[in-house]
């Protein structure tokens, strides 16, 4: 399921922008904006969460952090795709 408008964690200190949640709800990835009063570093306004059966992480990013993470992941996917002959 894509773009659930509520936090998959059920928290109210973040406004979800985009997410993907597994059908069973066990795994999700979500990115949104944390509310200013909940930020440890004021510039870290993006909240990125990933939860699976074995991992549960929350990251707070500023603009640079999130752009660089996207760029690094896109590069890794492109390299992997070229090496493996396509996404499986």
C-alpha atoms as a PDB file:
ATOM      1  CA  UNK A   1       0.000   0.000   0.000  1.00  0.00           C
ATOM      2  CA  UNK A   2       1.415   3.434  -0.907  1.00  0.00           C
ATOM      3  CA  UNK A   3       0.967   6.907   0.606  1.00  0.00           C
ATOM      4  CA  UNK A   4      -0.851   6.166   3.839  1.00  0.00           C
ATOM      5  CA  UNK A   5      -1.551   9.603   5.326  1.00  0.00           C
ATOM      6  CA  UNK A   6      -0.939   8.494   8.913  1.00  0.00           C
ATOM      7  CA  UNK A   7       2.264   7.469  10.642  1.00  0.00           C
ATOM      8  CA  UNK A   8       2.780   3.685  10.424  1.00  0.00           C
ATOM      9  CA  UNK A   9       4.185   3.844  13.974  1.00  0.00           C
ATOM     10  CA  UNK A  10       1.121   5.674  15.222  1.00  0.00           C
ATOM     11  CA  UNK A  11       3.194   8.690  16.309  1.00  0.00           C
ATOM     12  CA  UNK A  12       1.964  12.257  16.085  1.00  0.00           C
ATOM     13  CA  UNK A  13       5.299  14.106  15.932  1.00  0.00           C
ATOM     14  CA  UNK A  14       5.714  13.661  12.164  1.00  0.00           C
ATOM     15  CA  UNK A  15       3.703  14.443   9.056  1.00  0.00           C
ATOM     16  CA  UNK A  16       4.060  11.542   6.579  1.00  0.00           C
ATOM     17  CA  UNK A  17       4.729  12.557   2.959  1.00  0.00           C
ATOM     18  CA  UNK A  18       5.190   9.135   1.408  1.00  0.00           C
ATOM     19  CA  UNK A  19       5.340   5.556   2.604  1.00  0.00           C
ATOM     20  CA  UNK A  20       4.986   1.963   1.618  1.00  0.00           C
ATOM     21  CA  UNK A  21       3.564  -0.593   4.029  1.00  0.00           C
ATOM     22  CA  UNK A  22       3.528  -4.358   3.537  1.00  0.00           C
ATOM     23  CA  UNK A  23       0.111  -5.991   3.366  1.00  0.00           C
ATOM     24  CA  UNK A  24       0.639  -7.564   6.802  1.00  0.00           C
ATOM     25  CA  UNK A  25       1.887  -4.244   8.268  1.00  0.00           C
ATOM     26  CA  UNK A  26       5.125  -5.806   9.562  1.00  0.00           C
ATOM     27  CA  UNK A  27       7.410  -3.957   7.156  1.00  0.00           C
ATOM     28  CA  UNK A  28       7.236  -0.309   6.180  1.00  0.00           C
ATOM     29  CA  UNK A  29       9.304   2.567   4.891  1.00  0.00           C
ATOM     30  CA  UNK A  30       8.115   6.113   5.486  1.00  0.00           C
ATOM     31  CA  UNK A  31       9.418   9.631   4.942  1.00  0.00           C
ATOM     32  CA  UNK A  32       7.908  12.865   6.125  1.00  0.00           C
ATOM     33  CA  UNK A  33       8.532  16.031   8.094  1.00  0.00           C
ATOM     34  CA  UNK A  34       9.097  15.965  11.827  1.00  0.00           C
ATOM     35  CA  UNK A  35       7.363  18.673  13.790  1.00  0.00           C
ATOM     36  CA  UNK A  36       9.770  21.431  14.937  1.00  0.00           C
ATOM     37  CA  UNK A  37       9.146  20.832  18.647  1.00  0.00           C
ATOM     38  CA  UNK A  38      10.275  17.198  18.324  1.00  0.00           C
ATOM     39  CA  UNK A  39      13.580  17.919  16.517  1.00  0.00           C
ATOM     40  CA  UNK A  40      16.889  17.459  18.298  1.00  0.00           C
ATOM     41  CA  UNK A  41      18.662  19.382  15.514  1.00  0.00           C
ATOM     42  CA  UNK A  42      16.365  22.103  14.146  1.00  0.00           C
ATOM     43  CA  UNK A  43      17.599  21.679  10.545  1.00  0.00           C
ATOM     44  CA  UNK A  44      16.864  17.942  10.532  1.00  0.00           C
ATOM     45  CA  UNK A  45      13.292  18.312   9.339  1.00  0.00           C
ATOM     46  CA  UNK A  46      12.996  15.073   7.340  1.00  0.00           C
ATOM     47  CA  UNK A  47      12.035  11.956   9.291  1.00  0.00           C
ATOM     48  CA  UNK A  48      12.861   8.634   7.607  1.00  0.00           C
ATOM     49  CA  UNK A  49      11.693   5.349   9.156  1.00  0.00           C
ATOM     50  CA  UNK A  50      12.352   1.771   8.144  1.00  0.00           C
ATOM     51  CA  UNK A  51      10.929  -1.232   9.957  1.00  0.00           C
ATOM     52  CA  UNK A  52      11.128  -4.908   9.096  1.00  0.00           C
ATOM     53  CA  UNK A  53      11.032  -8.133  11.080  1.00  0.00           C
ATOM     54  CA  UNK A  54      14.685  -7.612  12.113  1.00  0.00           C
ATOM     55  CA  UNK A  55      15.326  -3.859  11.780  1.00  0.00           C
ATOM     56  CA  UNK A  56      13.658  -0.829  13.289  1.00  0.00           C
ATOM     57  CA  UNK A  57      15.302   2.521  12.548  1.00  0.00           C
ATOM     58  CA  UNK A  58      14.408   6.192  12.604  1.00  0.00           C
ATOM     59  CA  UNK A  59      16.664   8.792  10.986  1.00  0.00           C
ATOM     60  CA  UNK A  60      16.360  12.568  11.074  1.00  0.00           C
ATOM     61  CA  UNK A  61      17.859  14.325   8.042  1.00  0.00           C
ATOM     62  CA  UNK A  62      18.461  17.819   6.748  1.00  0.00           C
ATOM     63  CA  UNK A  63      18.220  18.579   3.015  1.00  0.00           C
ATOM     64  CA  UNK A  64      21.839  17.562   2.326  1.00  0.00           C
ATOM     65  CA  UNK A  65      21.532  14.256   4.178  1.00  0.00           C
ATOM     66  CA  UNK A  66      18.399  13.119   2.363  1.00  0.00           C
ATOM     67  CA  UNK A  67      19.637  14.182  -1.100  1.00  0.00           C
ATOM     68  CA  UNK A  68      22.927  12.360  -0.594  1.00  0.00           C
ATOM     69  CA  UNK A  69      21.222   9.199   0.684  1.00  0.00           C
ATOM     70  CA  UNK A  70      18.954   9.173  -2.368  1.00  0.00           C
ATOM     71  CA  UNK A  71      21.951   9.715  -4.685  1.00  0.00           C
ATOM     72  CA  UNK A  72      23.997   6.935  -3.072  1.00  0.00           C
ATOM     73  CA  UNK A  73      21.072   4.472  -3.194  1.00  0.00           C
ATOM     74  CA  UNK A  74      20.313   5.359  -6.834  1.00  0.00           C
ATOM     75  CA  UNK A  75      23.977   4.814  -7.749  1.00  0.00           C
ATOM     76  CA  UNK A  76      24.054   1.469  -5.951  1.00  0.00           C
ATOM     77  CA  UNK A  77      20.870   0.332  -7.700  1.00  0.00           C
ATOM     78  CA  UNK A  78      22.183   1.406 -11.112  1.00  0.00           C
ATOM     79  CA  UNK A  79      25.519  -0.364 -10.584  1.00  0.00           C
ATOM     80  CA  UNK A  80      23.846  -3.512  -9.284  1.00  0.00           C
ATOM     81  CA  UNK A  81      21.401  -3.519 -12.193  1.00  0.00           C
ATOM     82  CA  UNK A  82      24.257  -3.231 -14.729  1.00  0.00           C
ATOM     83  CA  UNK A  83      26.285  -5.957 -13.002  1.00  0.00           C
ATOM     84  CA  UNK A  84      23.368  -8.358 -12.616  1.00  0.00           C
ATOM     85  CA  UNK A  85      21.812  -7.727 -16.027  1.00  0.00           C
ATOM     86  CA  UNK A  86      18.634  -6.104 -14.749  1.00  0.00           C
ATOM     87  CA  UNK A  87      16.450  -5.924 -11.676  1.00  0.00           C
ATOM     88  CA  UNK A  88      15.034  -9.274 -10.708  1.00  0.00           C
END
